[in-house]
């Protein structure tokens, strides 16, 4: 951390705080360096002391918001939506409005499961802000418990489409590793030799475009950033993913080119099998057309 910006250093020490929230704390004088007020651009040195005075935790009111939803399936127990790029799934520091939960509270008139608390009503699983596609939410606790059980048993079908850097030689393969927090960069995940959680991703090539490859990934487990970490580990990071891949972004993409296309599950009440297929977003289709020319 020698000569690192203080806001970045503080973020690595407290990984639950976003960079923007840390910068806000610095501007309010709630983060000091060796007892002195600082700027976000201040640099830290070995043996420097950073003090963070966090304000008391307050659970905010999460309000319904009339945000349009692309609904792939819905009944009285569950709803599957096609999440757009840039939408956060549930409220968190810095994102207490405009989230999928705000939209679901309005659409479902508050009828969402409460198992995960007031900040995550109805939410059983998540996808990253810049990942698009299928996500299921539950309208009551019984449905929530049923879907959560299927996730734990790895019986839910989850197929993602992605574009990665490089030309993958094998037509298909399986990545089986341990994934956990990056030992140095606490906001990132990483493949670990020990101490992480079991993670399995099956992939197959759909098309090759020389510098890029269009693939489908099927999750057997659902670890944080699993596909992004696994493909980067193989040497084929996702296009647009500047966290696990190259810093340059030649197509000016908003995050990783990753789409949760197919979601299949047994209905938690009726037991019938349901499968949804979320169409590729426009930006993804345009990339495929560009590479095909």
C-alpha atoms as a PDB file:
ATOM      1  CA  UNK A   1       0.000   0.000   0.000  1.00  0.00           C
ATOM      2  CA  UNK A   2       3.076   2.285  -0.062  1.00  0.00           C
ATOM      3  CA  UNK A   3       2.219   5.643  -1.733  1.00  0.00           C
ATOM      4  CA  UNK A   4      -1.340   4.503  -2.462  1.00  0.00           C
ATOM      5  CA  UNK A   5      -4.255   6.971  -2.516  1.00  0.00           C
ATOM      6  CA  UNK A   6      -5.895   7.082   0.886  1.00  0.00           C
ATOM      7  CA  UNK A   7      -9.425   6.457  -0.448  1.00  0.00           C
ATOM      8  CA  UNK A   8      -8.262   3.340  -2.281  1.00  0.00           C
ATOM      9  CA  UNK A   9      -6.310   2.145   0.760  1.00  0.00           C
ATOM     10  CA  UNK A  10      -9.312   2.651   3.059  1.00  0.00           C
ATOM     11  CA  UNK A  11     -11.503   0.723   0.627  1.00  0.00           C
ATOM     12  CA  UNK A  12      -9.161  -2.254   0.748  1.00  0.00           C
ATOM     13  CA  UNK A  13      -9.284  -2.204   4.545  1.00  0.00           C
ATOM     14  CA  UNK A  14     -13.095  -2.061   4.788  1.00  0.00           C
ATOM     15  CA  UNK A  15     -14.429  -3.944   1.761  1.00  0.00           C
ATOM     16  CA  UNK A  16     -18.089  -3.328   2.650  1.00  0.00           C
ATOM     17  CA  UNK A  17     -17.723   0.385   1.813  1.00  0.00           C
ATOM     18  CA  UNK A  18     -17.883   1.656  -1.754  1.00  0.00           C
ATOM     19  CA  UNK A  19     -15.188   3.962  -3.112  1.00  0.00           C
ATOM     20  CA  UNK A  20     -17.700   6.809  -3.526  1.00  0.00           C
ATOM     21  CA  UNK A  21     -18.905   6.411   0.079  1.00  0.00           C
ATOM     22  CA  UNK A  22     -15.316   6.482   1.348  1.00  0.00           C
ATOM     23  CA  UNK A  23     -14.665   9.666  -0.628  1.00  0.00           C
ATOM     24  CA  UNK A  24     -17.779  11.168   0.964  1.00  0.00           C
ATOM     25  CA  UNK A  25     -16.438  10.284   4.431  1.00  0.00           C
ATOM     26  CA  UNK A  26     -13.102  11.924   3.576  1.00  0.00           C
ATOM     27  CA  UNK A  27     -14.824  15.129   2.433  1.00  0.00           C
ATOM     28  CA  UNK A  28     -16.794  15.170   5.701  1.00  0.00           C
ATOM     29  CA  UNK A  29     -13.601  14.785   7.755  1.00  0.00           C
ATOM     30  CA  UNK A  30     -14.582  11.346   9.054  1.00  0.00           C
ATOM     31  CA  UNK A  31     -11.401   9.728   7.746  1.00  0.00           C
ATOM     32  CA  UNK A  32      -8.071  11.030   9.020  1.00  0.00           C
ATOM     33  CA  UNK A  33      -4.446  10.163   8.341  1.00  0.00           C
ATOM     34  CA  UNK A  34      -2.178  10.278  11.383  1.00  0.00           C
ATOM     35  CA  UNK A  35      -4.816  12.401  13.112  1.00  0.00           C
ATOM     36  CA  UNK A  36      -4.931  15.022  10.334  1.00  0.00           C
ATOM     37  CA  UNK A  37      -7.673  15.909   7.875  1.00  0.00           C
ATOM     38  CA  UNK A  38      -6.897  14.773   4.334  1.00  0.00           C
ATOM     39  CA  UNK A  39      -7.967  14.827   0.709  1.00  0.00           C
ATOM     40  CA  UNK A  40      -8.938  11.751  -1.304  1.00  0.00           C
ATOM     41  CA  UNK A  41      -5.737  12.176  -3.295  1.00  0.00           C
ATOM     42  CA  UNK A  42      -3.546  12.067  -0.170  1.00  0.00           C
ATOM     43  CA  UNK A  43      -1.007   9.245  -0.195  1.00  0.00           C
ATOM     44  CA  UNK A  44      -0.287   6.751   2.560  1.00  0.00           C
ATOM     45  CA  UNK A  45       3.116   5.460   3.598  1.00  0.00           C
ATOM     46  CA  UNK A  46       4.300   2.520   5.666  1.00  0.00           C
ATOM     47  CA  UNK A  47       3.300   2.844   9.353  1.00  0.00           C
ATOM     48  CA  UNK A  48       0.766   5.597   8.624  1.00  0.00           C
ATOM     49  CA  UNK A  49      -2.418   5.373  10.709  1.00  0.00           C
ATOM     50  CA  UNK A  50      -5.818   5.672   9.052  1.00  0.00           C
ATOM     51  CA  UNK A  51      -8.806   6.301  11.301  1.00  0.00           C
ATOM     52  CA  UNK A  52     -12.365   5.878  10.001  1.00  0.00           C
ATOM     53  CA  UNK A  53     -15.268   7.281  12.048  1.00  0.00           C
ATOM     54  CA  UNK A  54     -18.335   5.545  10.653  1.00  0.00           C
ATOM     55  CA  UNK A  55     -21.696   7.184  11.381  1.00  0.00           C
ATOM     56  CA  UNK A  56     -24.228   5.076  13.322  1.00  0.00           C
ATOM     57  CA  UNK A  57     -25.871   2.420  11.155  1.00  0.00           C
ATOM     58  CA  UNK A  58     -29.408   3.369  10.177  1.00  0.00           C
ATOM     59  CA  UNK A  59     -31.734   1.112   8.222  1.00  0.00           C
ATOM     60  CA  UNK A  60     -33.195   3.355   5.518  1.00  0.00           C
ATOM     61  CA  UNK A  61     -36.763   3.223   4.286  1.00  0.00           C
ATOM     62  CA  UNK A  62     -36.819   1.339   0.994  1.00  0.00           C
ATOM     63  CA  UNK A  63     -39.609   2.813  -1.078  1.00  0.00           C
ATOM     64  CA  UNK A  64     -41.549   1.373  -4.031  1.00  0.00           C
ATOM     65  CA  UNK A  65     -40.651   3.034  -7.322  1.00  0.00           C
ATOM     66  CA  UNK A  66     -42.535   2.866 -10.608  1.00  0.00           C
ATOM     67  CA  UNK A  67     -39.633   1.499 -12.660  1.00  0.00           C
ATOM     68  CA  UNK A  68     -40.547  -0.534 -15.775  1.00  0.00           C
ATOM     69  CA  UNK A  69     -39.745  -4.250 -15.550  1.00  0.00           C
ATOM     70  CA  UNK A  70     -39.117  -6.709 -18.382  1.00  0.00           C
ATOM     71  CA  UNK A  71     -41.036  -9.678 -16.958  1.00  0.00           C
ATOM     72  CA  UNK A  72     -40.177 -13.128 -18.334  1.00  0.00           C
ATOM     73  CA  UNK A  73     -42.520 -15.084 -16.046  1.00  0.00           C
ATOM     74  CA  UNK A  74     -44.851 -14.281 -13.169  1.00  0.00           C
ATOM     75  CA  UNK A  75     -47.474 -15.945 -10.993  1.00  0.00           C
ATOM     76  CA  UNK A  76     -48.680 -15.563  -7.427  1.00  0.00           C
ATOM     77  CA  UNK A  77     -45.502 -17.031  -5.953  1.00  0.00           C
ATOM     78  CA  UNK A  78     -42.512 -16.071  -8.105  1.00  0.00           C
ATOM     79  CA  UNK A  79     -41.454 -13.535 -10.701  1.00  0.00           C
ATOM     80  CA  UNK A  80     -38.564 -13.770 -13.179  1.00  0.00           C
ATOM     81  CA  UNK A  81     -37.300 -10.504 -14.666  1.00  0.00           C
ATOM     82  CA  UNK A  82     -34.780  -9.602 -17.342  1.00  0.00           C
ATOM     83  CA  UNK A  83     -32.519  -7.191 -15.435  1.00  0.00           C
ATOM     84  CA  UNK A  84     -30.994  -4.374 -17.500  1.00  0.00           C
ATOM     85  CA  UNK A  85     -27.344  -3.329 -17.407  1.00  0.00           C
ATOM     86  CA  UNK A  86     -26.502  -0.807 -14.724  1.00  0.00           C
ATOM     87  CA  UNK A  87     -29.318  -1.750 -12.331  1.00  0.00           C
ATOM     88  CA  UNK A  88     -28.316  -2.763  -8.810  1.00  0.00           C
ATOM     89  CA  UNK A  89     -30.325  -5.729  -7.506  1.00  0.00           C
ATOM     90  CA  UNK A  90     -30.946  -4.571  -3.938  1.00  0.00           C
ATOM     91  CA  UNK A  91     -30.312  -1.419  -1.872  1.00  0.00           C
ATOM     92  CA  UNK A  92     -26.853  -0.895  -0.387  1.00  0.00           C
ATOM     93  CA  UNK A  93     -24.823   2.154   0.710  1.00  0.00           C
ATOM     94  CA  UNK A  94     -24.902   4.608  -2.182  1.00  0.00           C
ATOM     95  CA  UNK A  95     -27.763   2.776  -3.910  1.00  0.00           C
ATOM     96  CA  UNK A  96     -30.986   3.144  -1.925  1.00  0.00           C
ATOM     97  CA  UNK A  97     -33.168   3.957  -4.926  1.00  0.00           C
ATOM     98  CA  UNK A  98     -33.443   2.837  -8.529  1.00  0.00           C
ATOM     99  CA  UNK A  99     -32.735  -0.784  -7.624  1.00  0.00           C
ATOM    100  CA  UNK A 100     -34.569  -3.897  -8.723  1.00  0.00           C
ATOM    101  CA  UNK A 101     -36.014  -4.200  -5.214  1.00  0.00           C
ATOM    102  CA  UNK A 102     -37.531  -0.705  -5.474  1.00  0.00           C
ATOM    103  CA  UNK A 103     -39.146  -1.731  -8.762  1.00  0.00           C
ATOM    104  CA  UNK A 104     -40.383  -5.067  -7.376  1.00  0.00           C
ATOM    105  CA  UNK A 105     -41.913  -3.411  -4.304  1.00  0.00           C
ATOM    106  CA  UNK A 106     -44.011  -1.233  -6.598  1.00  0.00           C
ATOM    107  CA  UNK A 107     -44.934  -3.946  -9.095  1.00  0.00           C
ATOM    108  CA  UNK A 108     -45.741  -6.605  -6.481  1.00  0.00           C
ATOM    109  CA  UNK A 109     -47.431  -4.076  -4.164  1.00  0.00           C
ATOM    110  CA  UNK A 110     -45.155  -5.084  -1.301  1.00  0.00           C
ATOM    111  CA  UNK A 111     -45.917  -8.797  -1.623  1.00  0.00           C
ATOM    112  CA  UNK A 112     -42.360 -10.125  -1.395  1.00  0.00           C
ATOM    113  CA  UNK A 113     -40.714 -12.666   0.898  1.00  0.00           C
ATOM    114  CA  UNK A 114     -39.099 -11.277   4.036  1.00  0.00           C
ATOM    115  CA  UNK A 115     -36.494 -13.968   4.689  1.00  0.00           C
ATOM    116  CA  UNK A 116     -33.571 -11.756   3.620  1.00  0.00           C
ATOM    117  CA  UNK A 117     -34.714  -8.696   5.563  1.00  0.00           C
ATOM    118  CA  UNK A 118     -35.970  -5.235   4.666  1.00  0.00           C
ATOM    119  CA  UNK A 119     -33.114  -4.417   2.276  1.00  0.00           C
ATOM    120  CA  UNK A 120     -33.520  -7.554   0.161  1.00  0.00           C
ATOM    121  CA  UNK A 121     -37.226  -8.485   0.105  1.00  0.00           C
ATOM    122  CA  UNK A 122     -37.912 -11.277  -2.367  1.00  0.00           C
ATOM    123  CA  UNK A 123     -34.278 -11.615  -3.399  1.00  0.00           C
ATOM    124  CA  UNK A 124     -32.943 -15.188  -3.419  1.00  0.00           C
ATOM    125  CA  UNK A 125     -29.883 -14.693  -5.634  1.00  0.00           C
ATOM    126  CA  UNK A 126     -28.101 -11.791  -7.276  1.00  0.00           C
ATOM    127  CA  UNK A 127     -26.318 -10.881 -10.460  1.00  0.00           C
ATOM    128  CA  UNK A 128     -23.795  -8.057 -10.775  1.00  0.00           C
ATOM    129  CA  UNK A 129     -24.916  -4.518 -11.591  1.00  0.00           C
ATOM    130  CA  UNK A 130     -23.458  -4.659 -15.108  1.00  0.00           C
ATOM    131  CA  UNK A 131     -24.592  -8.238 -15.796  1.00  0.00           C
ATOM    132  CA  UNK A 132     -27.923  -8.444 -17.602  1.00  0.00           C
ATOM    133  CA  UNK A 133     -30.578 -11.117 -17.762  1.00  0.00           C
ATOM    134  CA  UNK A 134     -32.736 -13.544 -15.801  1.00  0.00           C
ATOM    135  CA  UNK A 135     -33.227 -13.163 -12.076  1.00  0.00           C
ATOM    136  CA  UNK A 136     -35.923 -14.774  -9.919  1.00  0.00           C
ATOM    137  CA  UNK A 137     -37.631 -13.137  -6.927  1.00  0.00           C
ATOM    138  CA  UNK A 138     -40.130 -14.704  -4.538  1.00  0.00           C
ATOM    139  CA  UNK A 139     -43.416 -13.262  -3.321  1.00  0.00           C
ATOM    140  CA  UNK A 140     -43.712 -15.259  -0.102  1.00  0.00           C
ATOM    141  CA  UNK A 141     -41.471 -17.073   2.375  1.00  0.00           C
ATOM    142  CA  UNK A 142     -42.548 -20.571   1.296  1.00  0.00           C
ATOM    143  CA  UNK A 143     -41.517 -19.931  -2.290  1.00  0.00           C
ATOM    144  CA  UNK A 144     -38.286 -18.297  -1.131  1.00  0.00           C
ATOM    145  CA  UNK A 145     -37.345 -21.334   0.946  1.00  0.00           C
ATOM    146  CA  UNK A 146     -38.092 -23.642  -2.003  1.00  0.00           C
ATOM    147  CA  UNK A 147     -35.961 -21.718  -4.497  1.00  0.00           C
ATOM    148  CA  UNK A 148     -33.165 -21.262  -1.954  1.00  0.00           C
ATOM    149  CA  UNK A 149     -33.149 -25.037  -1.444  1.00  0.00           C
ATOM    150  CA  UNK A 150     -32.762 -25.627  -5.182  1.00  0.00           C
ATOM    151  CA  UNK A 151     -29.888 -23.150  -5.322  1.00  0.00           C
ATOM    152  CA  UNK A 152     -28.189 -24.953  -2.456  1.00  0.00           C
ATOM    153  CA  UNK A 153     -28.631 -28.298  -4.228  1.00  0.00           C
ATOM    154  CA  UNK A 154     -27.333 -26.798  -7.517  1.00  0.00           C
ATOM    155  CA  UNK A 155     -30.456 -28.036  -9.318  1.00  0.00           C
ATOM    156  CA  UNK A 156     -31.398 -24.706 -10.921  1.00  0.00           C
ATOM    157  CA  UNK A 157     -30.335 -24.362 -14.562  1.00  0.00           C
ATOM    158  CA  UNK A 158     -28.342 -21.166 -15.065  1.00  0.00           C
ATOM    159  CA  UNK A 159     -26.851 -20.548 -18.500  1.00  0.00           C
ATOM    160  CA  UNK A 160     -24.945 -17.345 -19.200  1.00  0.00           C
ATOM    161  CA  UNK A 161     -23.716 -15.964 -22.511  1.00  0.00           C
ATOM    162  CA  UNK A 162     -20.465 -14.010 -22.600  1.00  0.00           C
ATOM    163  CA  UNK A 163     -17.837 -12.613 -24.955  1.00  0.00           C
ATOM    164  CA  UNK A 164     -14.259 -13.081 -23.812  1.00  0.00           C
ATOM    165  CA  UNK A 165     -10.855 -11.853 -24.915  1.00  0.00           C
ATOM    166  CA  UNK A 166      -8.807 -14.361 -26.896  1.00  0.00           C
ATOM    167  CA  UNK A 167      -9.465 -17.419 -29.016  1.00  0.00           C
ATOM    168  CA  UNK A 168     -10.450 -20.401 -26.864  1.00  0.00           C
ATOM    169  CA  UNK A 169      -9.031 -23.507 -28.518  1.00  0.00           C
ATOM    170  CA  UNK A 170     -11.150 -26.182 -26.804  1.00  0.00           C
ATOM    171  CA  UNK A 171     -14.796 -26.414 -27.837  1.00  0.00           C
ATOM    172  CA  UNK A 172     -15.862 -26.979 -24.238  1.00  0.00           C
ATOM    173  CA  UNK A 173     -14.473 -27.498 -20.763  1.00  0.00           C
ATOM    174  CA  UNK A 174     -15.023 -27.364 -17.010  1.00  0.00           C
ATOM    175  CA  UNK A 175     -13.324 -25.093 -14.487  1.00  0.00           C
ATOM    176  CA  UNK A 176     -13.268 -26.460 -10.932  1.00  0.00           C
ATOM    177  CA  UNK A 177     -11.460 -24.352  -8.330  1.00  0.00           C
ATOM    178  CA  UNK A 178     -11.807 -22.684  -4.952  1.00  0.00           C
ATOM    179  CA  UNK A 179     -12.944 -19.045  -5.031  1.00  0.00           C
ATOM    180  CA  UNK A 180     -12.621 -16.544  -2.187  1.00  0.00           C
ATOM    181  CA  UNK A 181     -11.653 -12.979  -1.394  1.00  0.00           C
ATOM    182  CA  UNK A 182      -8.521 -11.742  -3.125  1.00  0.00           C
ATOM    183  CA  UNK A 183      -5.749 -11.767  -0.484  1.00  0.00           C
ATOM    184  CA  UNK A 184      -4.667  -8.183  -1.254  1.00  0.00           C
ATOM    185  CA  UNK A 185      -7.554  -6.501  -3.100  1.00  0.00           C
ATOM    186  CA  UNK A 186     -10.503  -7.152  -0.790  1.00  0.00           C
ATOM    187  CA  UNK A 187     -13.181  -5.979  -3.219  1.00  0.00           C
ATOM    188  CA  UNK A 188     -12.141  -8.624  -5.726  1.00  0.00           C
ATOM    189  CA  UNK A 189     -12.558 -12.375  -5.732  1.00  0.00           C
ATOM    190  CA  UNK A 190      -9.825 -14.802  -6.782  1.00  0.00           C
ATOM    191  CA  UNK A 191      -9.004 -18.454  -7.376  1.00  0.00           C
ATOM    192  CA  UNK A 192      -7.329 -19.672  -4.185  1.00  0.00           C
ATOM    193  CA  UNK A 193      -5.158 -22.661  -3.362  1.00  0.00           C
ATOM    194  CA  UNK A 194      -7.002 -23.150  -0.078  1.00  0.00           C
ATOM    195  CA  UNK A 195      -9.625 -21.499   2.089  1.00  0.00           C
ATOM    196  CA  UNK A 196     -12.120 -20.590  -0.630  1.00  0.00           C
ATOM    197  CA  UNK A 197     -15.458 -22.109  -1.594  1.00  0.00           C
ATOM    198  CA  UNK A 198     -15.877 -24.840  -4.197  1.00  0.00           C
ATOM    199  CA  UNK A 199     -16.728 -23.341  -7.602  1.00  0.00           C
ATOM    200  CA  UNK A 200     -17.605 -25.179 -10.830  1.00  0.00           C
ATOM    201  CA  UNK A 201     -18.274 -23.579 -14.224  1.00  0.00           C
ATOM    202  CA  UNK A 202     -18.955 -25.516 -17.441  1.00  0.00           C
ATOM    203  CA  UNK A 203     -18.330 -23.621 -20.674  1.00  0.00           C
ATOM    204  CA  UNK A 204     -18.696 -24.222 -24.402  1.00  0.00           C
ATOM    205  CA  UNK A 205     -17.738 -22.169 -27.434  1.00  0.00           C
ATOM    206  CA  UNK A 206     -20.600 -20.771 -29.529  1.00  0.00           C
ATOM    207  CA  UNK A 207     -18.547 -18.738 -32.046  1.00  0.00           C
ATOM    208  CA  UNK A 208     -14.945 -17.661 -32.567  1.00  0.00           C
ATOM    209  CA  UNK A 209     -13.996 -14.212 -33.856  1.00  0.00           C
ATOM    210  CA  UNK A 210     -10.206 -14.297 -33.806  1.00  0.00           C
ATOM    211  CA  UNK A 211      -9.444 -11.881 -30.962  1.00  0.00           C
ATOM    212  CA  UNK A 212     -12.688 -12.723 -29.165  1.00  0.00           C
ATOM    213  CA  UNK A 213     -14.791 -15.804 -28.395  1.00  0.00           C
ATOM    214  CA  UNK A 214     -18.543 -16.030 -27.805  1.00  0.00           C
ATOM    215  CA  UNK A 215     -19.288 -18.638 -25.142  1.00  0.00           C
ATOM    216  CA  UNK A 216     -22.020 -20.142 -22.993  1.00  0.00           C
ATOM    217  CA  UNK A 217     -21.291 -20.832 -19.325  1.00  0.00           C
ATOM    218  CA  UNK A 218     -23.423 -23.058 -17.142  1.00  0.00           C
ATOM    219  CA  UNK A 219     -23.067 -22.575 -13.407  1.00  0.00           C
ATOM    220  CA  UNK A 220     -22.960 -25.574 -11.140  1.00  0.00           C
ATOM    221  CA  UNK A 221     -22.236 -23.331  -8.156  1.00  0.00           C
ATOM    222  CA  UNK A 222     -22.956 -19.629  -7.702  1.00  0.00           C
ATOM    223  CA  UNK A 223     -19.987 -17.857  -6.150  1.00  0.00           C
ATOM    224  CA  UNK A 224     -19.537 -14.095  -6.313  1.00  0.00           C
ATOM    225  CA  UNK A 225     -18.127 -13.062  -9.727  1.00  0.00           C
ATOM    226  CA  UNK A 226     -17.680 -16.771 -10.523  1.00  0.00           C
ATOM    227  CA  UNK A 227     -17.721 -16.617 -14.335  1.00  0.00           C
ATOM    228  CA  UNK A 228     -15.627 -13.440 -14.404  1.00  0.00           C
ATOM    229  CA  UNK A 229     -13.013 -14.942 -12.077  1.00  0.00           C
ATOM    230  CA  UNK A 230     -12.932 -18.354 -13.766  1.00  0.00           C
ATOM    231  CA  UNK A 231     -12.558 -17.056 -17.313  1.00  0.00           C
ATOM    232  CA  UNK A 232      -9.837 -14.593 -16.243  1.00  0.00           C
ATOM    233  CA  UNK A 233      -8.094 -17.493 -14.461  1.00  0.00           C
ATOM    234  CA  UNK A 234      -8.079 -19.409 -17.763  1.00  0.00           C
ATOM    235  CA  UNK A 235      -6.568 -16.391 -19.514  1.00  0.00           C
ATOM    236  CA  UNK A 236      -9.781 -15.335 -21.287  1.00  0.00           C
ATOM    237  CA  UNK A 237     -11.250 -12.421 -19.275  1.00  0.00           C
ATOM    238  CA  UNK A 238     -14.666 -11.103 -20.199  1.00  0.00           C
ATOM    239  CA  UNK A 239     -14.814  -8.271 -22.712  1.00  0.00           C
ATOM    240  CA  UNK A 240     -15.454  -4.995 -20.882  1.00  0.00           C
ATOM    241  CA  UNK A 241     -14.437  -6.359 -17.483  1.00  0.00           C
ATOM    242  CA  UNK A 242     -11.778  -3.887 -16.337  1.00  0.00           C
ATOM    243  CA  UNK A 243     -11.740  -5.424 -12.834  1.00  0.00           C
ATOM    244  CA  UNK A 244     -10.524  -8.880 -13.870  1.00  0.00           C
ATOM    245  CA  UNK A 245      -9.359  -8.086 -17.395  1.00  0.00           C
ATOM    246  CA  UNK A 246      -7.468  -5.373 -19.320  1.00  0.00           C
ATOM    247  CA  UNK A 247      -7.860  -1.744 -18.249  1.00  0.00           C
ATOM    248  CA  UNK A 248      -8.476  -0.615 -21.803  1.00  0.00           C
ATOM    249  CA  UNK A 249     -12.067  -0.624 -23.042  1.00  0.00           C
ATOM    250  CA  UNK A 250     -11.989  -0.369 -26.856  1.00  0.00           C
ATOM    251  CA  UNK A 251     -15.779  -0.590 -27.329  1.00  0.00           C
ATOM    252  CA  UNK A 252     -16.645   1.790 -24.456  1.00  0.00           C
ATOM    253  CA  UNK A 253     -18.631  -0.904 -22.717  1.00  0.00           C
ATOM    254  CA  UNK A 254     -20.328  -0.413 -19.363  1.00  0.00           C
ATOM    255  CA  UNK A 255     -18.809  -3.361 -17.560  1.00  0.00           C
ATOM    256  CA  UNK A 256     -18.508  -7.013 -18.496  1.00  0.00           C
ATOM    257  CA  UNK A 257     -20.236  -8.549 -21.519  1.00  0.00           C
ATOM    258  CA  UNK A 258     -22.205 -11.131 -19.543  1.00  0.00           C
ATOM    259  CA  UNK A 259     -25.878 -12.074 -19.839  1.00  0.00           C
ATOM    260  CA  UNK A 260     -27.916 -14.514 -17.714  1.00  0.00           C
ATOM    261  CA  UNK A 261     -29.810 -16.041 -20.616  1.00  0.00           C
ATOM    262  CA  UNK A 262     -31.526 -19.218 -19.420  1.00  0.00           C
ATOM    263  CA  UNK A 263     -33.012 -19.849 -15.986  1.00  0.00           C
ATOM    264  CA  UNK A 264     -34.724 -23.160 -15.272  1.00  0.00           C
ATOM    265  CA  UNK A 265     -36.261 -24.256 -11.967  1.00  0.00           C
ATOM    266  CA  UNK A 266     -38.977 -26.360 -10.398  1.00  0.00           C
ATOM    267  CA  UNK A 267     -41.864 -24.213  -9.231  1.00  0.00           C
ATOM    268  CA  UNK A 268     -41.542 -24.100  -5.426  1.00  0.00           C
ATOM    269  CA  UNK A 269     -45.298 -24.672  -4.908  1.00  0.00           C
ATOM    270  CA  UNK A 270     -46.594 -26.692  -7.869  1.00  0.00           C
ATOM    271  CA  UNK A 271     -43.399 -28.611  -8.623  1.00  0.00           C
ATOM    272  CA  UNK A 272     -43.716 -28.018 -12.384  1.00  0.00           C
ATOM    273  CA  UNK A 273     -40.587 -27.160 -14.376  1.00  0.00           C
ATOM    274  CA  UNK A 274     -40.299 -23.564 -15.637  1.00  0.00           C
ATOM    275  CA  UNK A 275     -37.609 -22.243 -17.954  1.00  0.00           C
ATOM    276  CA  UNK A 276     -37.149 -18.687 -19.126  1.00  0.00           C
ATOM    277  CA  UNK A 277     -34.905 -17.389 -21.899  1.00  0.00           C
ATOM    278  CA  UNK A 278     -33.912 -13.729 -21.746  1.00  0.00           C
ATOM    279  CA  UNK A 279     -33.088 -12.233 -25.162  1.00  0.00           C
ATOM    280  CA  UNK A 280     -29.624 -10.759 -25.564  1.00  0.00           C
ATOM    281  CA  UNK A 281     -29.497  -7.004 -24.906  1.00  0.00           C
ATOM    282  CA  UNK A 282     -29.058  -4.700 -27.881  1.00  0.00           C
ATOM    283  CA  UNK A 283     -25.424  -3.800 -27.147  1.00  0.00           C
ATOM    284  CA  UNK A 284     -24.528  -7.527 -26.998  1.00  0.00           C
ATOM    285  CA  UNK A 285     -26.251  -8.244 -30.330  1.00  0.00           C
ATOM    286  CA  UNK A 286     -24.451  -5.322 -31.983  1.00  0.00           C
ATOM    287  CA  UNK A 287     -21.078  -6.647 -30.801  1.00  0.00           C
ATOM    288  CA  UNK A 288     -21.826 -10.076 -32.275  1.00  0.00           C
ATOM    289  CA  UNK A 289     -22.857  -8.461 -35.572  1.00  0.00           C
ATOM    290  CA  UNK A 290     -19.685  -6.358 -35.603  1.00  0.00           C
ATOM    291  CA  UNK A 291     -17.442  -9.347 -34.971  1.00  0.00           C
ATOM    292  CA  UNK A 292     -19.245 -11.438 -37.592  1.00  0.00           C
ATOM    293  CA  UNK A 293     -18.539  -8.943 -40.390  1.00  0.00           C
END
